[in-house]
Amino acid sequence: MDILAKAKELAEMLNESEEAKRADAAKKAQDTDINAQAMIKKYNEKRRDVAVKMQFSEHSQDEMEEMRREINEAFDELMTNEVVKEFVEASKEYDMLVQQVVSVVTGQGGGCGGSCSSCSGCH
């Protein structure tokens, strides 16, 4: 048994999974949606501005909380776009599938046991 051949087969299976297809379609839709791109740009600018503020000066706890609130509000606004929301959700599902595979390969788990107590959940 050639381990690398099996790894390649596993990679192909992941790439052909429904989760991968959904994430790929969502990425393409997001990349071509002008409104989604404008909202993403605005969100990234807000994140960058806050990061710069945080990096170059001291802030009180209240100021830090206000900056976190600004970022959360910007993210919430971004998630009102259905194309962006679909991309985020599809990407999370694919990432969870990959993490489950990694857990099996590394001996960290045998797949989903139905309980979300030890992971972020998939149900």
PDB file of N, CA and C in Angstrom:
ATOM      1  N   MET A   1       0.853  -1.178   0.000  1.00  0.00           N
ATOM      2  CA  MET A   1       0.000   0.000   0.000  1.00  0.00           C
ATOM      3  C   MET A   1       0.900   1.243   0.000  1.00  0.00           C
ATOM      4  N   ASP A   2       0.687   2.108  -0.971  1.00  0.00           N
ATOM      5  CA  ASP A   2       1.456   3.339  -1.079  1.00  0.00           C
ATOM      6  C   ASP A   2       0.702   4.455  -0.351  1.00  0.00           C
ATOM      7  N   ILE A   3       1.273   4.931   0.731  1.00  0.00           N
ATOM      8  CA  ILE A   3       0.617   5.938   1.574  1.00  0.00           C
ATOM      9  C   ILE A   3       0.364   7.227   0.807  1.00  0.00           C
ATOM     10  N   LEU A   4       1.337   7.655   0.014  1.00  0.00           N
ATOM     11  CA  LEU A   4       1.162   8.899  -0.737  1.00  0.00           C
ATOM     12  C   LEU A   4       0.054   8.784  -1.779  1.00  0.00           C
ATOM     13  N   ALA A   5      -0.094   7.625  -2.356  1.00  0.00           N
ATOM     14  CA  ALA A   5      -1.181   7.414  -3.322  1.00  0.00           C
ATOM     15  C   ALA A   5      -2.528   7.517  -2.607  1.00  0.00           C
ATOM     16  N   LYS A   6      -2.608   6.955  -1.410  1.00  0.00           N
ATOM     17  CA  LYS A   6      -3.840   7.049  -0.621  1.00  0.00           C
ATOM     18  C   LYS A   6      -4.103   8.500  -0.197  1.00  0.00           C
ATOM     19  N   ALA A   7      -3.045   9.222   0.140  1.00  0.00           N
ATOM     20  CA  ALA A   7      -3.206  10.635   0.508  1.00  0.00           C
ATOM     21  C   ALA A   7      -3.729  11.432  -0.684  1.00  0.00           C
ATOM     22  N   LYS A   8      -3.218  11.142  -1.863  1.00  0.00           N
ATOM     23  CA  LYS A   8      -3.695  11.824  -3.076  1.00  0.00           C
ATOM     24  C   LYS A   8      -5.156  11.477  -3.323  1.00  0.00           C
ATOM     25  N   GLU A   9      -5.510  10.231  -3.127  1.00  0.00           N
ATOM     26  CA  GLU A   9      -6.907   9.806  -3.291  1.00  0.00           C
ATOM     27  C   GLU A   9      -7.809  10.536  -2.292  1.00  0.00           C
ATOM     28  N   LEU A  10      -7.347  10.669  -1.067  1.00  0.00           N
ATOM     29  CA  LEU A  10      -8.100  11.386  -0.040  1.00  0.00           C
ATOM     30  C   LEU A  10      -8.270  12.858  -0.427  1.00  0.00           C
ATOM     31  N   ALA A  11      -7.204  13.468  -0.922  1.00  0.00           N
ATOM     32  CA  ALA A  11      -7.279  14.869  -1.354  1.00  0.00           C
ATOM     33  C   ALA A  11      -8.292  15.033  -2.485  1.00  0.00           C
ATOM     34  N   GLU A  12      -8.286  14.105  -3.414  1.00  0.00           N
ATOM     35  CA  GLU A  12      -9.257  14.149  -4.518  1.00  0.00           C
ATOM     36  C   GLU A  12     -10.686  14.004  -3.992  1.00  0.00           C
ATOM     37  N   MET A  13     -10.863  13.123  -3.022  1.00  0.00           N
ATOM     38  CA  MET A  13     -12.192  12.940  -2.431  1.00  0.00           C
ATOM     39  C   MET A  13     -12.653  14.214  -1.729  1.00  0.00           C
ATOM     40  N   LEU A  14     -11.747  14.862  -1.001  1.00  0.00           N
ATOM     41  CA  LEU A  14     -12.091  16.122  -0.346  1.00  0.00           C
ATOM     42  C   LEU A  14     -12.473  17.172  -1.387  1.00  0.00           C
ATOM     43  N   ASN A  15     -11.676  17.275  -2.444  1.00  0.00           N
ATOM     44  CA  ASN A  15     -11.942  18.273  -3.480  1.00  0.00           C
ATOM     45  C   ASN A  15     -13.238  18.000  -4.247  1.00  0.00           C
ATOM     46  N   GLU A  16     -13.673  16.768  -4.278  1.00  0.00           N
ATOM     47  CA  GLU A  16     -14.905  16.403  -4.975  1.00  0.00           C
ATOM     48  C   GLU A  16     -16.113  16.343  -4.038  1.00  0.00           C
ATOM     49  N   SER A  17     -15.909  16.608  -2.761  1.00  0.00           N
ATOM     50  CA  SER A  17     -17.000  16.537  -1.787  1.00  0.00           C
ATOM     51  C   SER A  17     -18.022  17.636  -2.038  1.00  0.00           C
ATOM     52  N   GLU A  18     -19.222  17.418  -1.552  1.00  0.00           N
ATOM     53  CA  GLU A  18     -20.277  18.433  -1.666  1.00  0.00           C
ATOM     54  C   GLU A  18     -19.873  19.713  -0.942  1.00  0.00           C
ATOM     55  N   GLU A  19     -19.174  19.562   0.184  1.00  0.00           N
ATOM     56  CA  GLU A  19     -18.718  20.723   0.945  1.00  0.00           C
ATOM     57  C   GLU A  19     -17.744  21.568   0.119  1.00  0.00           C
ATOM     58  N   ALA A  20     -16.818  20.908  -0.569  1.00  0.00           N
ATOM     59  CA  ALA A  20     -15.847  21.627  -1.399  1.00  0.00           C
ATOM     60  C   ALA A  20     -16.541  22.293  -2.581  1.00  0.00           C
ATOM     61  N   LYS A  21     -17.461  21.594  -3.196  1.00  0.00           N
ATOM     62  CA  LYS A  21     -18.192  22.166  -4.339  1.00  0.00           C
ATOM     63  C   LYS A  21     -19.002  23.383  -3.915  1.00  0.00           C
ATOM     64  N   ARG A  22     -19.647  23.274  -2.762  1.00  0.00           N
ATOM     65  CA  ARG A  22     -20.435  24.401  -2.254  1.00  0.00           C
ATOM     66  C   ARG A  22     -19.528  25.596  -1.939  1.00  0.00           C
ATOM     67  N   ALA A  23     -18.397  25.343  -1.272  1.00  0.00           N
ATOM     68  CA  ALA A  23     -17.471  26.422  -0.930  1.00  0.00           C
ATOM     69  C   ALA A  23     -16.901  27.064  -2.186  1.00  0.00           C
ATOM     70  N   ASP A  24     -16.573  26.269  -3.179  1.00  0.00           N
ATOM     71  CA  ASP A  24     -16.025  26.795  -4.426  1.00  0.00           C
ATOM     72  C   ASP A  24     -17.060  27.655  -5.159  1.00  0.00           C
ATOM     73  N   ALA A  25     -18.290  27.177  -5.225  1.00  0.00           N
ATOM     74  CA  ALA A  25     -19.354  27.946  -5.877  1.00  0.00           C
ATOM     75  C   ALA A  25     -19.617  29.251  -5.130  1.00  0.00           C
ATOM     76  N   ALA A  26     -19.602  29.192  -3.814  1.00  0.00           N
ATOM     77  CA  ALA A  26     -19.827  30.392  -2.998  1.00  0.00           C
ATOM     78  C   ALA A  26     -18.693  31.393  -3.188  1.00  0.00           C
ATOM     79  N   LYS A  27     -17.469  30.907  -3.291  1.00  0.00           N
ATOM     80  CA  LYS A  27     -16.310  31.790  -3.518  1.00  0.00           C
ATOM     81  C   LYS A  27     -16.437  32.489  -4.867  1.00  0.00           C
ATOM     82  N   LYS A  28     -16.791  31.732  -5.893  1.00  0.00           N
ATOM     83  CA  LYS A  28     -16.953  32.321  -7.227  1.00  0.00           C
ATOM     84  C   LYS A  28     -18.070  33.360  -7.228  1.00  0.00           C
ATOM     85  N   ALA A  29     -19.175  33.055  -6.567  1.00  0.00           N
ATOM     86  CA  ALA A  29     -20.287  34.008  -6.491  1.00  0.00           C
ATOM     87  C   ALA A  29     -19.863  35.273  -5.761  1.00  0.00           C
ATOM     88  N   GLN A  30     -19.143  35.107  -4.670  1.00  0.00           N
ATOM     89  CA  GLN A  30     -18.687  36.261  -3.890  1.00  0.00           C
ATOM     90  C   GLN A  30     -17.700  37.100  -4.697  1.00  0.00           C
ATOM     91  N   ASP A  31     -16.796  36.447  -5.407  1.00  0.00           N
ATOM     92  CA  ASP A  31     -15.781  37.157  -6.184  1.00  0.00           C
ATOM     93  C   ASP A  31     -16.375  37.979  -7.325  1.00  0.00           C
ATOM     94  N   THR A  32     -17.553  37.591  -7.792  1.00  0.00           N
ATOM     95  CA  THR A  32     -18.162  38.290  -8.926  1.00  0.00           C
ATOM     96  C   THR A  32     -19.300  39.213  -8.511  1.00  0.00           C
ATOM     97  N   ASP A  33     -19.607  39.266  -7.227  1.00  0.00           N
ATOM     98  CA  ASP A  33     -20.694  40.120  -6.743  1.00  0.00           C
ATOM     99  C   ASP A  33     -20.124  41.487  -6.337  1.00  0.00           C
ATOM    100  N   ILE A  34     -20.481  42.515  -7.077  1.00  0.00           N
ATOM    101  CA  ILE A  34     -19.935  43.856  -6.847  1.00  0.00           C
ATOM    102  C   ILE A  34     -20.288  44.369  -5.453  1.00  0.00           C
ATOM    103  N   ASN A  35     -21.529  44.171  -5.035  1.00  0.00           N
ATOM    104  CA  ASN A  35     -21.951  44.626  -3.710  1.00  0.00           C
ATOM    105  C   ASN A  35     -21.182  43.894  -2.609  1.00  0.00           C
ATOM    106  N   ALA A  36     -21.032  42.592  -2.767  1.00  0.00           N
ATOM    107  CA  ALA A  36     -20.275  41.812  -1.774  1.00  0.00           C
ATOM    108  C   ALA A  36     -18.841  42.307  -1.700  1.00  0.00           C
ATOM    109  N   GLN A  37     -18.221  42.563  -2.839  1.00  0.00           N
ATOM    110  CA  GLN A  37     -16.841  43.035  -2.850  1.00  0.00           C
ATOM    111  C   GLN A  37     -16.702  44.392  -2.169  1.00  0.00           C
ATOM    112  N   ALA A  38     -17.664  45.276  -2.392  1.00  0.00           N
ATOM    113  CA  ALA A  38     -17.634  46.597  -1.751  1.00  0.00           C
ATOM    114  C   ALA A  38     -17.771  46.460  -0.237  1.00  0.00           C
ATOM    115  N   MET A  39     -18.654  45.570   0.211  1.00  0.00           N
ATOM    116  CA  MET A  39     -18.839  45.369   1.650  1.00  0.00           C
ATOM    117  C   MET A  39     -17.602  44.743   2.287  1.00  0.00           C
ATOM    118  N   ILE A  40     -16.980  43.809   1.582  1.00  0.00           N
ATOM    119  CA  ILE A  40     -15.761  43.174   2.088  1.00  0.00           C
ATOM    120  C   ILE A  40     -14.645  44.210   2.193  1.00  0.00           C
ATOM    121  N   LYS A  41     -14.530  45.053   1.189  1.00  0.00           N
ATOM    122  CA  LYS A  41     -13.512  46.111   1.209  1.00  0.00           C
ATOM    123  C   LYS A  41     -13.727  47.038   2.404  1.00  0.00           C
ATOM    124  N   LYS A  42     -14.968  47.429   2.625  1.00  0.00           N
ATOM    125  CA  LYS A  42     -15.288  48.314   3.748  1.00  0.00           C
ATOM    126  C   LYS A  42     -14.943  47.640   5.078  1.00  0.00           C
ATOM    127  N   TYR A  43     -15.294  46.370   5.224  1.00  0.00           N
ATOM    128  CA  TYR A  43     -14.996  45.625   6.447  1.00  0.00           C
ATOM    129  C   TYR A  43     -13.481  45.520   6.666  1.00  0.00           C
ATOM    130  N   ASN A  44     -12.745  45.180   5.616  1.00  0.00           N
ATOM    131  CA  ASN A  44     -11.291  45.048   5.740  1.00  0.00           C
ATOM    132  C   ASN A  44     -10.634  46.380   6.085  1.00  0.00           C
ATOM    133  N   GLU A  45     -11.153  47.475   5.538  1.00  0.00           N
ATOM    134  CA  GLU A  45     -10.626  48.792   5.882  1.00  0.00           C
ATOM    135  C   GLU A  45     -10.871  49.106   7.357  1.00  0.00           C
ATOM    136  N   LYS A  46     -12.051  48.772   7.850  1.00  0.00           N
ATOM    137  CA  LYS A  46     -12.370  49.007   9.265  1.00  0.00           C
ATOM    138  C   LYS A  46     -11.437  48.187  10.157  1.00  0.00           C
ATOM    139  N   ARG A  47     -11.235  46.924   9.806  1.00  0.00           N
ATOM    140  CA  ARG A  47     -10.325  46.064  10.575  1.00  0.00           C
ATOM    141  C   ARG A  47      -8.917  46.625  10.581  1.00  0.00           C
ATOM    142  N   ARG A  48      -8.456  47.059   9.419  1.00  0.00           N
ATOM    143  CA  ARG A  48      -7.106  47.619   9.310  1.00  0.00           C
ATOM    144  C   ARG A  48      -6.982  48.891  10.153  1.00  0.00           C
ATOM    145  N   ASP A  49      -7.977  49.770  10.065  1.00  0.00           N
ATOM    146  CA  ASP A  49      -7.949  51.010  10.842  1.00  0.00           C
ATOM    147  C   ASP A  49      -7.893  50.724  12.341  1.00  0.00           C
ATOM    148  N   VAL A  50      -8.691  49.786  12.792  1.00  0.00           N
ATOM    149  CA  VAL A  50      -8.700  49.441  14.217  1.00  0.00           C
ATOM    150  C   VAL A  50      -7.375  48.804  14.621  1.00  0.00           C
ATOM    151  N   ALA A  51      -6.831  47.943  13.765  1.00  0.00           N
ATOM    152  CA  ALA A  51      -5.549  47.305  14.070  1.00  0.00           C
ATOM    153  C   ALA A  51      -4.442  48.344  14.211  1.00  0.00           C
ATOM    154  N   VAL A  52      -4.457  49.334  13.335  1.00  0.00           N
ATOM    155  CA  VAL A  52      -3.448  50.397  13.411  1.00  0.00           C
ATOM    156  C   VAL A  52      -3.610  51.169  14.713  1.00  0.00           C
ATOM    157  N   LYS A  53      -4.843  51.514  15.062  1.00  0.00           N
ATOM    158  CA  LYS A  53      -5.098  52.230  16.324  1.00  0.00           C
ATOM    159  C   LYS A  53      -4.577  51.434  17.513  1.00  0.00           C
ATOM    160  N   MET A  54      -4.851  50.133  17.501  1.00  0.00           N
ATOM    161  CA  MET A  54      -4.466  49.285  18.628  1.00  0.00           C
ATOM    162  C   MET A  54      -2.951  49.132  18.722  1.00  0.00           C
ATOM    163  N   GLN A  55      -2.294  49.114  17.600  1.00  0.00           N
ATOM    164  CA  GLN A  55      -0.864  48.836  17.567  1.00  0.00           C
ATOM    165  C   GLN A  55      -0.022  50.017  18.019  1.00  0.00           C
ATOM    166  N   PHE A  56      -0.431  51.222  17.702  1.00  0.00           N
ATOM    167  CA  PHE A  56       0.453  52.360  17.888  1.00  0.00           C
ATOM    168  C   PHE A  56       0.150  53.250  19.087  1.00  0.00           C
ATOM    169  N   SER A  57      -0.760  52.827  19.934  1.00  0.00           N
ATOM    170  CA  SER A  57      -0.982  53.644  21.126  1.00  0.00           C
ATOM    171  C   SER A  57      -1.625  52.810  22.225  1.00  0.00           C
ATOM    172  N   GLU A  58      -1.542  53.323  23.443  1.00  0.00           N
ATOM    173  CA  GLU A  58      -2.149  52.683  24.610  1.00  0.00           C
ATOM    174  C   GLU A  58      -3.635  53.027  24.637  1.00  0.00           C
ATOM    175  N   HIS A  59      -4.438  52.079  25.085  1.00  0.00           N
ATOM    176  CA  HIS A  59      -5.885  52.299  25.142  1.00  0.00           C
ATOM    177  C   HIS A  59      -6.442  51.790  26.458  1.00  0.00           C
ATOM    178  N   SER A  60      -7.469  52.484  26.921  1.00  0.00           N
ATOM    179  CA  SER A  60      -8.165  52.031  28.122  1.00  0.00           C
ATOM    180  C   SER A  60      -9.011  50.806  27.771  1.00  0.00           C
ATOM    181  N   GLN A  61      -9.481  50.148  28.791  1.00  0.00           N
ATOM    182  CA  GLN A  61     -10.351  48.991  28.591  1.00  0.00           C
ATOM    183  C   GLN A  61     -11.607  49.396  27.820  1.00  0.00           C
ATOM    184  N   ASP A  62     -12.170  50.555  28.135  1.00  0.00           N
ATOM    185  CA  ASP A  62     -13.365  51.042  27.439  1.00  0.00           C
ATOM    186  C   ASP A  62     -13.080  51.302  25.963  1.00  0.00           C
ATOM    187  N   GLU A  63     -11.926  51.884  25.670  1.00  0.00           N
ATOM    188  CA  GLU A  63     -11.563  52.142  24.273  1.00  0.00           C
ATOM    189  C   GLU A  63     -11.373  50.837  23.506  1.00  0.00           C
ATOM    190  N   MET A  64     -10.757  49.868  24.150  1.00  0.00           N
ATOM    191  CA  MET A  64     -10.558  48.561  23.512  1.00  0.00           C
ATOM    192  C   MET A  64     -11.909  47.907  23.229  1.00  0.00           C
ATOM    193  N   GLU A  65     -12.806  47.993  24.201  1.00  0.00           N
ATOM    194  CA  GLU A  65     -14.143  47.423  24.023  1.00  0.00           C
ATOM    195  C   GLU A  65     -14.883  48.119  22.888  1.00  0.00           C
ATOM    196  N   GLU A  66     -14.730  49.416  22.772  1.00  0.00           N
ATOM    197  CA  GLU A  66     -15.364  50.175  21.690  1.00  0.00           C
ATOM    198  C   GLU A  66     -14.817  49.739  20.324  1.00  0.00           C
ATOM    199  N   MET A  67     -13.529  49.509  20.239  1.00  0.00           N
ATOM    200  CA  MET A  67     -12.939  49.051  18.979  1.00  0.00           C
ATOM    201  C   MET A  67     -13.435  47.651  18.615  1.00  0.00           C
ATOM    202  N   ARG A  68     -13.553  46.785  19.605  1.00  0.00           N
ATOM    203  CA  ARG A  68     -14.105  45.438  19.356  1.00  0.00           C
ATOM    204  C   ARG A  68     -15.549  45.535  18.880  1.00  0.00           C
ATOM    205  N   ARG A  69     -16.301  46.440  19.496  1.00  0.00           N
ATOM    206  CA  ARG A  69     -17.689  46.637  19.098  1.00  0.00           C
ATOM    207  C   ARG A  69     -17.775  47.128  17.648  1.00  0.00           C
ATOM    208  N   GLU A  70     -16.891  48.037  17.279  1.00  0.00           N
ATOM    209  CA  GLU A  70     -16.865  48.544  15.904  1.00  0.00           C
ATOM    210  C   GLU A  70     -16.616  47.416  14.904  1.00  0.00           C
ATOM    211  N   ILE A  71     -15.659  46.561  15.230  1.00  0.00           N
ATOM    212  CA  ILE A  71     -15.347  45.430  14.347  1.00  0.00           C
ATOM    213  C   ILE A  71     -16.538  44.475  14.271  1.00  0.00           C
ATOM    214  N   ASN A  72     -17.145  44.168  15.408  1.00  0.00           N
ATOM    215  CA  ASN A  72     -18.294  43.269  15.422  1.00  0.00           C
ATOM    216  C   ASN A  72     -19.456  43.838  14.631  1.00  0.00           C
ATOM    217  N   GLU A  73     -19.690  45.138  14.756  1.00  0.00           N
ATOM    218  CA  GLU A  73     -20.764  45.773  13.990  1.00  0.00           C
ATOM    219  C   GLU A  73     -20.473  45.718  12.492  1.00  0.00           C
ATOM    220  N   ALA A  74     -19.226  45.943  12.126  1.00  0.00           N
ATOM    221  CA  ALA A  74     -18.843  45.874  10.712  1.00  0.00           C
ATOM    222  C   ALA A  74     -19.033  44.457  10.179  1.00  0.00           C
ATOM    223  N   PHE A  75     -18.686  43.451  11.001  1.00  0.00           N
ATOM    224  CA  PHE A  75     -18.870  42.063  10.583  1.00  0.00           C
ATOM    225  C   PHE A  75     -20.355  41.736  10.455  1.00  0.00           C
ATOM    226  N   ASP A  76     -21.148  42.173  11.410  1.00  0.00           N
ATOM    227  CA  ASP A  76     -22.591  41.938  11.345  1.00  0.00           C
ATOM    228  C   ASP A  76     -23.188  42.557  10.085  1.00  0.00           C
ATOM    229  N   GLU A  77     -22.726  43.745   9.749  1.00  0.00           N
ATOM    230  CA  GLU A  77     -23.196  44.397   8.521  1.00  0.00           C
ATOM    231  C   GLU A  77     -22.774  43.588   7.291  1.00  0.00           C
ATOM    232  N   LEU A  78     -21.553  43.102   7.293  1.00  0.00           N
ATOM    233  CA  LEU A  78     -21.063  42.282   6.191  1.00  0.00           C
ATOM    234  C   LEU A  78     -21.917  41.034   6.015  1.00  0.00           C
ATOM    235  N   MET A  79     -22.330  40.441   7.147  1.00  0.00           N
ATOM    236  CA  MET A  79     -23.101  39.199   7.088  1.00  0.00           C
ATOM    237  C   MET A  79     -24.551  39.414   6.630  1.00  0.00           C
ATOM    238  N   THR A  80     -24.968  40.648   6.451  1.00  0.00           N
ATOM    239  CA  THR A  80     -26.306  40.892   5.903  1.00  0.00           C
ATOM    240  C   THR A  80     -26.342  40.610   4.412  1.00  0.00           C
ATOM    241  N   ASN A  81     -25.168  40.523   3.791  1.00  0.00           N
ATOM    242  CA  ASN A  81     -25.093  40.190   2.374  1.00  0.00           C
ATOM    243  C   ASN A  81     -25.184  38.669   2.240  1.00  0.00           C
ATOM    244  N   GLU A  82     -26.197  38.191   1.560  1.00  0.00           N
ATOM    245  CA  GLU A  82     -26.435  36.748   1.457  1.00  0.00           C
ATOM    246  C   GLU A  82     -25.310  36.013   0.737  1.00  0.00           C
ATOM    247  N   VAL A  83     -24.666  36.657  -0.226  1.00  0.00           N
ATOM    248  CA  VAL A  83     -23.567  36.019  -0.951  1.00  0.00           C
ATOM    249  C   VAL A  83     -22.379  35.812  -0.013  1.00  0.00           C
ATOM    250  N   VAL A  84     -22.053  36.820   0.763  1.00  0.00           N
ATOM    251  CA  VAL A  84     -20.954  36.717   1.727  1.00  0.00           C
ATOM    252  C   VAL A  84     -21.299  35.687   2.802  1.00  0.00           C
ATOM    253  N   LYS A  85     -22.517  35.750   3.286  1.00  0.00           N
ATOM    254  CA  LYS A  85     -22.958  34.815   4.320  1.00  0.00           C
ATOM    255  C   LYS A  85     -22.844  33.368   3.837  1.00  0.00           C
ATOM    256  N   GLU A  86     -23.260  33.108   2.612  1.00  0.00           N
ATOM    257  CA  GLU A  86     -23.161  31.762   2.055  1.00  0.00           C
ATOM    258  C   GLU A  86     -21.699  31.324   1.961  1.00  0.00           C
ATOM    259  N   PHE A  87     -20.818  32.230   1.545  1.00  0.00           N
ATOM    260  CA  PHE A  87     -19.400  31.888   1.456  1.00  0.00           C
ATOM    261  C   PHE A  87     -18.838  31.528   2.835  1.00  0.00           C
ATOM    262  N   VAL A  88     -19.153  32.318   3.834  1.00  0.00           N
ATOM    263  CA  VAL A  88     -18.655  32.065   5.190  1.00  0.00           C
ATOM    264  C   VAL A  88     -19.169  30.724   5.701  1.00  0.00           C
ATOM    265  N   GLU A  89     -20.461  30.468   5.534  1.00  0.00           N
ATOM    266  CA  GLU A  89     -21.033  29.211   6.021  1.00  0.00           C
ATOM    267  C   GLU A  89     -20.482  28.012   5.260  1.00  0.00           C
ATOM    268  N   ALA A  90     -20.377  28.116   3.939  1.00  0.00           N
ATOM    269  CA  ALA A  90     -19.861  27.006   3.135  1.00  0.00           C
ATOM    270  C   ALA A  90     -18.396  26.733   3.478  1.00  0.00           C
ATOM    271  N   SER A  91     -17.627  27.791   3.677  1.00  0.00           N
ATOM    272  CA  SER A  91     -16.214  27.623   4.036  1.00  0.00           C
ATOM    273  C   SER A  91     -16.067  26.954   5.398  1.00  0.00           C
ATOM    274  N   LYS A  92     -16.914  27.332   6.340  1.00  0.00           N
ATOM    275  CA  LYS A  92     -16.871  26.711   7.672  1.00  0.00           C
ATOM    276  C   LYS A  92     -17.175  25.221   7.583  1.00  0.00           C
ATOM    277  N   GLU A  93     -18.169  24.857   6.798  1.00  0.00           N
ATOM    278  CA  GLU A  93     -18.518  23.438   6.658  1.00  0.00           C
ATOM    279  C   GLU A  93     -17.363  22.646   6.044  1.00  0.00           C
ATOM    280  N   TYR A  94     -16.741  23.214   5.018  1.00  0.00           N
ATOM    281  CA  TYR A  94     -15.607  22.527   4.395  1.00  0.00           C
ATOM    282  C   TYR A  94     -14.449  22.416   5.384  1.00  0.00           C
ATOM    283  N   ASP A  95     -14.164  23.485   6.095  1.00  0.00           N
ATOM    284  CA  ASP A  95     -13.095  23.460   7.097  1.00  0.00           C
ATOM    285  C   ASP A  95     -13.356  22.407   8.170  1.00  0.00           C
ATOM    286  N   MET A  96     -14.616  22.273   8.591  1.00  0.00           N
ATOM    287  CA  MET A  96     -14.945  21.248   9.604  1.00  0.00           C
ATOM    288  C   MET A  96     -14.698  19.849   9.041  1.00  0.00           C
ATOM    289  N   LEU A  97     -15.041  19.639   7.774  1.00  0.00           N
ATOM    290  CA  LEU A  97     -14.783  18.342   7.151  1.00  0.00           C
ATOM    291  C   LEU A  97     -13.288  18.055   7.139  1.00  0.00           C
ATOM    292  N   VAL A  98     -12.491  19.025   6.735  1.00  0.00           N
ATOM    293  CA  VAL A  98     -11.042  18.849   6.699  1.00  0.00           C
ATOM    294  C   VAL A  98     -10.502  18.571   8.105  1.00  0.00           C
ATOM    295  N   GLN A  99     -10.997  19.289   9.102  1.00  0.00           N
ATOM    296  CA  GLN A  99     -10.551  19.057  10.480  1.00  0.00           C
ATOM    297  C   GLN A  99     -10.911  17.657  10.962  1.00  0.00           C
ATOM    298  N   GLN A 100     -12.077  17.172  10.562  1.00  0.00           N
ATOM    299  CA  GLN A 100     -12.459  15.811  10.936  1.00  0.00           C
ATOM    300  C   GLN A 100     -11.509  14.805  10.306  1.00  0.00           C
ATOM    301  N   VAL A 101     -11.139  15.034   9.056  1.00  0.00           N
ATOM    302  CA  VAL A 101     -10.197  14.146   8.376  1.00  0.00           C
ATOM    303  C   VAL A 101      -8.841  14.194   9.066  1.00  0.00           C
ATOM    304  N   VAL A 102      -8.375  15.390   9.402  1.00  0.00           N
ATOM    305  CA  VAL A 102      -7.092  15.535  10.094  1.00  0.00           C
ATOM    306  C   VAL A 102      -7.133  14.801  11.431  1.00  0.00           C
ATOM    307  N   SER A 103      -8.249  14.899  12.136  1.00  0.00           N
ATOM    308  CA  SER A 103      -8.378  14.202  13.419  1.00  0.00           C
ATOM    309  C   SER A 103      -8.271  12.698  13.251  1.00  0.00           C
ATOM    310  N   VAL A 104      -8.879  12.180  12.216  1.00  0.00           N
ATOM    311  CA  VAL A 104      -8.808  10.742  11.960  1.00  0.00           C
ATOM    312  C   VAL A 104      -7.377  10.347  11.597  1.00  0.00           C
ATOM    313  N   VAL A 105      -6.747  11.106  10.701  1.00  0.00           N
ATOM    314  CA  VAL A 105      -5.399  10.787  10.241  1.00  0.00           C
ATOM    315  C   VAL A 105      -4.389  10.851  11.385  1.00  0.00           C
ATOM    316  N   THR A 106      -4.541  11.814  12.276  1.00  0.00           N
ATOM    317  CA  THR A 106      -3.583  11.972  13.374  1.00  0.00           C
ATOM    318  C   THR A 106      -3.928  11.124  14.590  1.00  0.00           C
ATOM    319  N   GLY A 107      -5.028  10.405  14.520  1.00  0.00           N
ATOM    320  CA  GLY A 107      -5.417   9.577  15.648  1.00  0.00           C
ATOM    321  C   GLY A 107      -6.065  10.346  16.770  1.00  0.00           C
ATOM    322  N   GLN A 108      -6.464  11.573  16.489  1.00  0.00           N
ATOM    323  CA  GLN A 108      -7.087  12.426  17.502  1.00  0.00           C
ATOM    324  C   GLN A 108      -8.571  12.127  17.655  1.00  0.00           C
ATOM    325  N   GLY A 109      -9.135  11.407  16.719  1.00  0.00           N
ATOM    326  CA  GLY A 109     -10.552  11.105  16.794  1.00  0.00           C
ATOM    327  C   GLY A 109     -10.937  10.146  15.692  1.00  0.00           C
ATOM    328  N   GLY A 110     -12.061   9.548  15.846  1.00  0.00           N
ATOM    329  CA  GLY A 110     -12.520   8.583  14.863  1.00  0.00           C
ATOM    330  C   GLY A 110     -13.661   9.104  14.032  1.00  0.00           C
ATOM    331  N   GLY A 111     -13.786  10.403  13.928  1.00  0.00           N
ATOM    332  CA  GLY A 111     -14.909  10.975  13.199  1.00  0.00           C
ATOM    333  C   GLY A 111     -15.926  11.504  14.182  1.00  0.00           C
ATOM    334  N   CYS A 112     -17.066  11.841  13.673  1.00  0.00           N
ATOM    335  CA  CYS A 112     -18.099  12.451  14.512  1.00  0.00           C
ATOM    336  C   CYS A 112     -18.811  11.379  15.327  1.00  0.00           C
ATOM    337  N   GLY A 113     -18.877  11.629  16.607  1.00  0.00           N
ATOM    338  CA  GLY A 113     -19.590  10.720  17.481  1.00  0.00           C
ATOM    339  C   GLY A 113     -20.975  11.226  17.830  1.00  0.00           C
ATOM    340  N   GLY A 114     -21.358  12.374  17.228  1.00  0.00           N
ATOM    341  CA  GLY A 114     -22.685  12.918  17.469  1.00  0.00           C
ATOM    342  C   GLY A 114     -22.748  13.927  18.598  1.00  0.00           C
ATOM    343  N   SER A 115     -21.692  14.041  19.371  1.00  0.00           N
ATOM    344  CA  SER A 115     -21.657  15.001  20.463  1.00  0.00           C
ATOM    345  C   SER A 115     -20.722  16.139  20.083  1.00  0.00           C
ATOM    346  N   CYS A 116     -21.173  17.339  20.298  1.00  0.00           N
ATOM    347  CA  CYS A 116     -20.372  18.516  19.946  1.00  0.00           C
ATOM    348  C   CYS A 116     -19.552  19.036  21.117  1.00  0.00           C
ATOM    349  N   SER A 117     -19.479  18.286  22.182  1.00  0.00           N
ATOM    350  CA  SER A 117     -18.791  18.759  23.381  1.00  0.00           C
ATOM    351  C   SER A 117     -17.299  18.948  23.166  1.00  0.00           C
ATOM    352  N   SER A 118     -16.720  18.229  22.204  1.00  0.00           N
ATOM    353  CA  SER A 118     -15.277  18.335  22.014  1.00  0.00           C
ATOM    354  C   SER A 118     -14.888  19.023  20.711  1.00  0.00           C
ATOM    355  N   CYS A 119     -15.876  19.571  19.994  1.00  0.00           N
ATOM    356  CA  CYS A 119     -15.559  20.296  18.763  1.00  0.00           C
ATOM    357  C   CYS A 119     -16.569  21.401  18.549  1.00  0.00           C
ATOM    358  N   SER A 120     -16.421  22.118  17.451  1.00  0.00           N
ATOM    359  CA  SER A 120     -17.332  23.224  17.167  1.00  0.00           C
ATOM    360  C   SER A 120     -18.669  22.743  16.636  1.00  0.00           C
ATOM    361  N   GLY A 121     -18.765  21.466  16.352  1.00  0.00           N
ATOM    362  CA  GLY A 121     -20.043  20.913  15.939  1.00  0.00           C
ATOM    363  C   GLY A 121     -20.214  20.888  14.439  1.00  0.00           C
ATOM    364  N   CYS A 122     -21.031  19.973  13.977  1.00  0.00           N
ATOM    365  CA  CYS A 122     -21.300  19.862  12.553  1.00  0.00           C
ATOM    366  C   CYS A 122     -22.777  19.649  12.288  1.00  0.00           C
ATOM    367  N   HIS A 123     -23.557  19.573  13.334  1.00  0.00           N
ATOM    368  CA  HIS A 123     -24.980  19.273  13.161  1.00  0.00           C
ATOM    369  C   HIS A 123     -25.804  20.513  13.292  1.00  0.00           C
TER     370      HIS A 123
END
